Amino acid sequence: MALTPEDVRNKQFSTAKRKGYEMDEVDAFLDQVELEIGAMGRENAELKGRMAAGAGSWAATPPAPAAPPAASQAPTPTPVPTTDYNAQAIAILALAEKTAEEHKYKARIEAEILIADAKSKIVDLELAGQADRAALERRVEELRAFEREYRTRLRHYHEGALKELEHRGTDTSAPPPAPVEQAAPSTPPPPSPFMIPGDAAPPQHA
């Protein structure tokens, strides 16, 4: 049975106890459907009226009177084909439907291409972010290793310097102090915290 605007207007829905639709949204949608069905019905009736009027005017046209016999037989004119208004209307509707389907197909293909391109860009951004994060993690680990090695070398240097001072203080057989004009041996400075491990040799003690 065909759906009419009255069917849409008089349709009643049962109210759900827990989950259901918003009645205001359902009513608004039904109003829109009713308007669309009414417009389609009016267009269909108008088209049928035009086809009927065209067919009636064509049938009411009187036939042309027969020409009087001429002295010489004139060539028979080519008959003009009768226009079928129903077939013409059907062809127009079919062409409109075909054009609409082609536009829908093209729009769907373009949407799929845009969605695929967006997904590809998202994957590329995620991969780039993961690579940057891995590089930063490696750099942080290198700095931590450098800090540990620097602290170890500095601790060994301080321990060696303290042992050297203790040894000089307890050794009674040490030679007398050098004359004033002789420069006293200076304590080597600690390694720079910005020096890359492995570039400088450990300090030597006498």
C-alpha atoms as a PDB file:
ATOM      1  CA  MET A   1       0.000   0.000   0.000  1.00  0.00           C
ATOM      2  CA  ALA A   2       1.354   3.432  -0.948  1.00  0.00           C
ATOM      3  CA  LEU A   3       2.292   5.800   1.866  1.00  0.00           C
ATOM      4  CA  THR A   4       0.261   9.021   1.938  1.00  0.00           C
ATOM      5  CA  PRO A   5       0.693  12.253   3.929  1.00  0.00           C
ATOM      6  CA  GLU A   6      -2.383  11.301   5.971  1.00  0.00           C
ATOM      7  CA  ASP A   7      -0.707   8.009   6.968  1.00  0.00           C
ATOM      8  CA  VAL A   8       2.344   9.911   8.201  1.00  0.00           C
ATOM      9  CA  ARG A   9       0.228  12.516  10.015  1.00  0.00           C
ATOM     10  CA  ASN A  10      -1.937   9.904  11.801  1.00  0.00           C
ATOM     11  CA  LYS A  11       0.882   7.477  12.673  1.00  0.00           C
ATOM     12  CA  GLN A  12       1.103   6.796  16.414  1.00  0.00           C
ATOM     13  CA  PHE A  13       4.173   5.363  18.189  1.00  0.00           C
ATOM     14  CA  SER A  14       4.152   3.475  21.464  1.00  0.00           C
ATOM     15  CA  THR A  15       6.236   5.019  24.251  1.00  0.00           C
ATOM     16  CA  ALA A  16       9.183   2.896  25.438  1.00  0.00           C
ATOM     17  CA  LYS A  17       9.685   2.406  29.169  1.00  0.00           C
ATOM     18  CA  ARG A  18      13.458   2.763  29.309  1.00  0.00           C
ATOM     19  CA  LYS A  19      15.137   3.544  26.015  1.00  0.00           C
ATOM     20  CA  GLY A  20      13.476   5.251  23.066  1.00  0.00           C
ATOM     21  CA  TYR A  21      13.580   8.214  20.748  1.00  0.00           C
ATOM     22  CA  GLU A  22      12.888  11.839  21.548  1.00  0.00           C
ATOM     23  CA  MET A  23       9.262  12.492  20.638  1.00  0.00           C
ATOM     24  CA  ASP A  24      10.025  16.048  19.478  1.00  0.00           C
ATOM     25  CA  GLU A  25      12.636  14.763  17.032  1.00  0.00           C
ATOM     26  CA  VAL A  26      10.263  12.050  15.766  1.00  0.00           C
ATOM     27  CA  ASP A  27       7.460  14.581  15.259  1.00  0.00           C
ATOM     28  CA  ALA A  28       9.777  16.980  13.419  1.00  0.00           C
ATOM     29  CA  PHE A  29      10.994  14.186  11.158  1.00  0.00           C
ATOM     30  CA  LEU A  30       7.448  13.029  10.421  1.00  0.00           C
ATOM     31  CA  ASP A  31       6.472  16.593   9.545  1.00  0.00           C
ATOM     32  CA  GLN A  32       9.373  16.761   7.099  1.00  0.00           C
ATOM     33  CA  VAL A  33       8.429  13.390   5.576  1.00  0.00           C
ATOM     34  CA  GLU A  34       4.814  14.547   5.235  1.00  0.00           C
ATOM     35  CA  LEU A  35       5.898  17.686   3.371  1.00  0.00           C
ATOM     36  CA  GLU A  36       8.171  15.701   1.050  1.00  0.00           C
ATOM     37  CA  ILE A  37       5.467  13.134   0.253  1.00  0.00           C
ATOM     38  CA  GLY A  38       2.920  15.898  -0.386  1.00  0.00           C
ATOM     39  CA  ALA A  39       5.313  17.720  -2.732  1.00  0.00           C
ATOM     40  CA  MET A  40       6.063  14.497  -4.614  1.00  0.00           C
ATOM     41  CA  GLY A  41       2.339  13.782  -4.941  1.00  0.00           C
ATOM     42  CA  ARG A  42       1.643  17.252  -6.319  1.00  0.00           C
ATOM     43  CA  GLU A  43       4.509  16.981  -8.817  1.00  0.00           C
ATOM     44  CA  ASN A  44       3.275  13.553  -9.929  1.00  0.00           C
ATOM     45  CA  ALA A  45      -0.285  14.835 -10.397  1.00  0.00           C
ATOM     46  CA  GLU A  46       0.963  17.868 -12.334  1.00  0.00           C
ATOM     47  CA  LEU A  47       3.063  15.664 -14.602  1.00  0.00           C
ATOM     48  CA  LYS A  48       0.124  13.325 -15.245  1.00  0.00           C
ATOM     49  CA  GLY A  49      -2.077  16.321 -16.047  1.00  0.00           C
ATOM     50  CA  ARG A  50       0.430  17.638 -18.564  1.00  0.00           C
ATOM     51  CA  MET A  51       0.732  14.258 -20.261  1.00  0.00           C
ATOM     52  CA  ALA A  52      -3.062  13.880 -20.418  1.00  0.00           C
ATOM     53  CA  ALA A  53      -3.485  17.393 -21.834  1.00  0.00           C
ATOM     54  CA  GLY A  54      -0.821  16.747 -24.462  1.00  0.00           C
ATOM     55  CA  ALA A  55      -2.385  13.445 -25.489  1.00  0.00           C
ATOM     56  CA  GLY A  56      -5.869  15.026 -25.675  1.00  0.00           C
ATOM     57  CA  SER A  57      -4.737  17.961 -27.797  1.00  0.00           C
ATOM     58  CA  TRP A  58      -2.990  15.603 -30.177  1.00  0.00           C
ATOM     59  CA  ALA A  59      -6.104  13.402 -30.510  1.00  0.00           C
ATOM     60  CA  ALA A  60      -8.414  16.432 -31.042  1.00  0.00           C
ATOM     61  CA  THR A  61      -6.409  17.741 -34.013  1.00  0.00           C
ATOM     62  CA  PRO A  62      -8.494  17.083 -37.181  1.00  0.00           C
ATOM     63  CA  PRO A  63      -6.801  15.243 -40.012  1.00  0.00           C
ATOM     64  CA  ALA A  64      -5.614  17.297 -42.947  1.00  0.00           C
ATOM     65  CA  PRO A  65      -7.994  17.329 -45.987  1.00  0.00           C
ATOM     66  CA  ALA A  66      -7.075  15.182 -48.917  1.00  0.00           C
ATOM     67  CA  ALA A  67      -5.355  17.030 -51.717  1.00  0.00           C
ATOM     68  CA  PRO A  68      -7.205  17.149 -55.051  1.00  0.00           C
ATOM     69  CA  PRO A  69      -5.865  14.832 -57.693  1.00  0.00           C
ATOM     70  CA  ALA A  70      -3.190  16.513 -59.736  1.00  0.00           C
ATOM     71  CA  ALA A  71      -2.387  16.019 -63.346  1.00  0.00           C
ATOM     72  CA  SER A  72       0.859  14.335 -62.474  1.00  0.00           C
ATOM     73  CA  GLN A  73       1.348  12.089 -59.460  1.00  0.00           C
ATOM     74  CA  ALA A  74       3.201  14.085 -56.753  1.00  0.00           C
ATOM     75  CA  PRO A  75       5.760  12.261 -54.572  1.00  0.00           C
ATOM     76  CA  THR A  76       4.359  10.939 -51.326  1.00  0.00           C
ATOM     77  CA  PRO A  77       5.661  13.058 -48.407  1.00  0.00           C
ATOM     78  CA  THR A  78       7.420  11.326 -45.551  1.00  0.00           C
ATOM     79  CA  PRO A  79       4.977  10.975 -42.652  1.00  0.00           C
ATOM     80  CA  VAL A  80       5.909  12.837 -39.475  1.00  0.00           C
ATOM     81  CA  PRO A  81       6.223  10.405 -36.563  1.00  0.00           C
ATOM     82  CA  THR A  82       3.652  10.834 -33.842  1.00  0.00           C
ATOM     83  CA  THR A  83       5.103  12.102 -30.577  1.00  0.00           C
ATOM     84  CA  ASP A  84       4.425   9.793 -27.664  1.00  0.00           C
ATOM     85  CA  TYR A  85       4.170  12.074 -24.646  1.00  0.00           C
ATOM     86  CA  ASN A  86       4.108   9.195 -22.196  1.00  0.00           C
ATOM     87  CA  ALA A  87       7.312   7.719 -23.592  1.00  0.00           C
ATOM     88  CA  GLN A  88       8.945  11.150 -23.609  1.00  0.00           C
ATOM     89  CA  ALA A  89       8.048  11.769 -19.975  1.00  0.00           C
ATOM     90  CA  ILE A  90       9.305   8.327 -18.971  1.00  0.00           C
ATOM     91  CA  ALA A  91      12.576   8.957 -20.816  1.00  0.00           C
ATOM     92  CA  ILE A  92      13.023  12.309 -19.043  1.00  0.00           C
ATOM     93  CA  LEU A  93      12.423  10.713 -15.648  1.00  0.00           C
ATOM     94  CA  ALA A  94      14.838   7.886 -16.434  1.00  0.00           C
ATOM     95  CA  LEU A  95      17.507  10.381 -17.508  1.00  0.00           C
ATOM     96  CA  ALA A  96      16.999  12.395 -14.318  1.00  0.00           C
ATOM     97  CA  GLU A  97      17.316   9.275 -12.172  1.00  0.00           C
ATOM     98  CA  LYS A  98      20.451   8.204 -14.051  1.00  0.00           C
ATOM     99  CA  THR A  99      22.031  11.639 -13.598  1.00  0.00           C
ATOM    100  CA  ALA A 100      21.207  11.622  -9.883  1.00  0.00           C
ATOM    101  CA  GLU A 101      22.732   8.158  -9.458  1.00  0.00           C
ATOM    102  CA  GLU A 102      25.899   9.259 -11.273  1.00  0.00           C
ATOM    103  CA  HIS A 103      26.252  12.294  -8.992  1.00  0.00           C
ATOM    104  CA  LYS A 104      25.714  10.139  -5.919  1.00  0.00           C
ATOM    105  CA  TYR A 105      28.329   7.639  -7.118  1.00  0.00           C
ATOM    106  CA  LYS A 106      30.888  10.381  -7.807  1.00  0.00           C
ATOM    107  CA  ALA A 107      30.238  11.976  -4.418  1.00  0.00           C
ATOM    108  CA  ARG A 108      30.667   8.626  -2.665  1.00  0.00           C
ATOM    109  CA  ILE A 109      33.960   7.938  -4.494  1.00  0.00           C
ATOM    110  CA  GLU A 110      35.294  11.407  -3.632  1.00  0.00           C
ATOM    111  CA  ALA A 111      34.302  10.948   0.010  1.00  0.00           C
ATOM    112  CA  GLU A 112      36.067   7.575   0.166  1.00  0.00           C
ATOM    113  CA  ILE A 113      39.214   9.107  -1.364  1.00  0.00           C
ATOM    114  CA  LEU A 114      39.197  11.968   1.155  1.00  0.00           C
ATOM    115  CA  ILE A 115      38.689   9.574   4.065  1.00  0.00           C
ATOM    116  CA  ALA A 116      41.524   7.298   2.878  1.00  0.00           C
ATOM    117  CA  ASP A 117      43.845  10.301   2.452  1.00  0.00           C
ATOM    118  CA  ALA A 118      43.015  11.567   5.942  1.00  0.00           C
ATOM    119  CA  LYS A 119      43.688   8.130   7.461  1.00  0.00           C
ATOM    120  CA  SER A 120      47.022   7.919   5.625  1.00  0.00           C
ATOM    121  CA  LYS A 121      48.068  11.339   6.935  1.00  0.00           C
ATOM    122  CA  ILE A 122      47.117  10.335  10.474  1.00  0.00           C
ATOM    123  CA  VAL A 123      49.242   7.173  10.223  1.00  0.00           C
ATOM    124  CA  ASP A 124      52.199   9.182   8.875  1.00  0.00           C
ATOM    125  CA  LEU A 125      51.929  11.670  11.739  1.00  0.00           C
ATOM    126  CA  GLU A 126      51.772   8.857  14.285  1.00  0.00           C
ATOM    127  CA  LEU A 127      54.855   7.171  12.801  1.00  0.00           C
ATOM    128  CA  ALA A 128      56.764  10.462  12.744  1.00  0.00           C
ATOM    129  CA  GLY A 129      55.831  11.116  16.362  1.00  0.00           C
ATOM    130  CA  GLN A 130      56.988   7.643  17.383  1.00  0.00           C
ATOM    131  CA  ALA A 131      60.337   8.139  15.609  1.00  0.00           C
ATOM    132  CA  ASP A 132      60.899  11.508  17.314  1.00  0.00           C
ATOM    133  CA  ARG A 133      60.039  10.019  20.674  1.00  0.00           C
ATOM    134  CA  ALA A 134      62.478   7.134  20.172  1.00  0.00           C
ATOM    135  CA  ALA A 135      65.259   9.574  19.218  1.00  0.00           C
ATOM    136  CA  LEU A 136      64.610  11.684  22.324  1.00  0.00           C
ATOM    137  CA  GLU A 137      64.628   8.603  24.540  1.00  0.00           C
ATOM    138  CA  ARG A 138      67.989   7.518  23.092  1.00  0.00           C
ATOM    139  CA  ARG A 139      69.428  10.996  23.676  1.00  0.00           C
ATOM    140  CA  VAL A 140      68.216  11.045  27.282  1.00  0.00           C
ATOM    141  CA  GLU A 141      69.763   7.624  27.888  1.00  0.00           C
ATOM    142  CA  GLU A 142      73.088   8.812  26.427  1.00  0.00           C
ATOM    143  CA  LEU A 143      73.092  11.853  28.722  1.00  0.00           C
ATOM    144  CA  ARG A 144      72.332   9.687  31.735  1.00  0.00           C
ATOM    145  CA  ALA A 145      75.191   7.333  30.857  1.00  0.00           C
ATOM    146  CA  PHE A 146      77.533  10.322  30.455  1.00  0.00           C
ATOM    147  CA  GLU A 147      76.474  11.659  33.863  1.00  0.00           C
ATOM    148  CA  ARG A 148      77.108   8.302  35.555  1.00  0.00           C
ATOM    149  CA  GLU A 149      80.553   7.970  33.976  1.00  0.00           C
ATOM    150  CA  TYR A 150      81.472  11.548  34.871  1.00  0.00           C
ATOM    151  CA  ARG A 151      80.461  11.044  38.503  1.00  0.00           C
ATOM    152  CA  THR A 152      82.485   7.822  38.676  1.00  0.00           C
ATOM    153  CA  ARG A 153      85.617   9.440  37.241  1.00  0.00           C
ATOM    154  CA  LEU A 154      85.275  12.463  39.531  1.00  0.00           C
ATOM    155  CA  ARG A 155      84.871  10.243  42.591  1.00  0.00           C
ATOM    156  CA  HIS A 156      87.973   8.219  41.656  1.00  0.00           C
ATOM    157  CA  TYR A 157      89.959  11.400  41.180  1.00  0.00           C
ATOM    158  CA  HIS A 158      88.957  12.763  44.611  1.00  0.00           C
ATOM    159  CA  GLU A 159      89.740   9.452  46.290  1.00  0.00           C
ATOM    160  CA  GLY A 160      93.170   9.366  44.660  1.00  0.00           C
ATOM    161  CA  ALA A 161      93.898  12.953  45.727  1.00  0.00           C
ATOM    162  CA  LEU A 162      92.925  12.212  49.346  1.00  0.00           C
ATOM    163  CA  LYS A 163      95.110   9.120  49.427  1.00  0.00           C
ATOM    164  CA  GLU A 164      98.034  11.127  48.069  1.00  0.00           C
ATOM    165  CA  LEU A 165      97.615  13.766  50.798  1.00  0.00           C
ATOM    166  CA  GLU A 166      97.364  11.120  53.513  1.00  0.00           C
ATOM    167  CA  HIS A 167     100.477   9.408  52.182  1.00  0.00           C
ATOM    168  CA  ARG A 168     102.506  12.636  52.248  1.00  0.00           C
ATOM    169  CA  GLY A 169     101.350  13.459  55.779  1.00  0.00           C
ATOM    170  CA  THR A 170     102.305  10.073  57.253  1.00  0.00           C
ATOM    171  CA  ASP A 171     105.568   9.456  55.319  1.00  0.00           C
ATOM    172  CA  THR A 172     108.475  10.702  57.589  1.00  0.00           C
ATOM    173  CA  SER A 173     111.133   9.683  55.117  1.00  0.00           C
ATOM    174  CA  ALA A 174     109.854  12.117  52.531  1.00  0.00           C
ATOM    175  CA  PRO A 175     112.551  14.481  51.127  1.00  0.00           C
ATOM    176  CA  PRO A 176     112.749  18.075  52.460  1.00  0.00           C
ATOM    177  CA  PRO A 177     110.597  20.670  50.789  1.00  0.00           C
ATOM    178  CA  ALA A 178     111.938  22.122  47.568  1.00  0.00           C
ATOM    179  CA  PRO A 179     113.629  25.547  47.521  1.00  0.00           C
ATOM    180  CA  VAL A 180     111.527  28.661  47.033  1.00  0.00           C
ATOM    181  CA  GLU A 181     112.664  29.209  43.474  1.00  0.00           C
ATOM    182  CA  GLN A 182     111.552  25.685  42.529  1.00  0.00           C
ATOM    183  CA  ALA A 183     107.938  25.546  41.523  1.00  0.00           C
ATOM    184  CA  ALA A 184     105.862  23.145  43.561  1.00  0.00           C
ATOM    185  CA  PRO A 185     103.871  20.509  41.661  1.00  0.00           C
ATOM    186  CA  SER A 186     100.336  21.669  41.132  1.00  0.00           C
ATOM    187  CA  THR A 187      97.282  19.496  41.549  1.00  0.00           C
ATOM    188  CA  PRO A 188      95.683  18.727  38.172  1.00  0.00           C
ATOM    189  CA  PRO A 189      92.205  20.253  37.772  1.00  0.00           C
ATOM    190  CA  PRO A 190      89.179  17.993  37.691  1.00  0.00           C
ATOM    191  CA  PRO A 191      87.819  17.061  34.283  1.00  0.00           C
ATOM    192  CA  SER A 192      85.236  19.378  32.743  1.00  0.00           C
ATOM    193  CA  PRO A 193      81.623  18.213  33.094  1.00  0.00           C
ATOM    194  CA  PHE A 194      81.124  19.012  29.390  1.00  0.00           C
ATOM    195  CA  MET A 195      83.964  16.696  28.279  1.00  0.00           C
ATOM    196  CA  ILE A 196      82.752  13.657  26.406  1.00  0.00           C
ATOM    197  CA  PRO A 197      83.722  10.433  28.229  1.00  0.00           C
ATOM    198  CA  GLY A 198      86.762   8.747  26.705  1.00  0.00           C
ATOM    199  CA  ASP A 199      88.401  11.940  25.346  1.00  0.00           C
ATOM    200  CA  ALA A 200      90.617  12.681  28.393  1.00  0.00           C
ATOM    201  CA  ALA A 201      92.934  10.184  30.126  1.00  0.00           C
ATOM    202  CA  PRO A 202      92.554   9.663  33.918  1.00  0.00           C
ATOM    203  CA  PRO A 203      94.827  11.880  36.093  1.00  0.00           C
ATOM    204  CA  GLN A 204      98.314  10.488  36.924  1.00  0.00           C
ATOM    205  CA  HIS A 205      99.658  10.671  40.491  1.00  0.00           C
ATOM    206  CA  ALA A 206     103.344  10.673  41.485  1.00  0.00           C
END
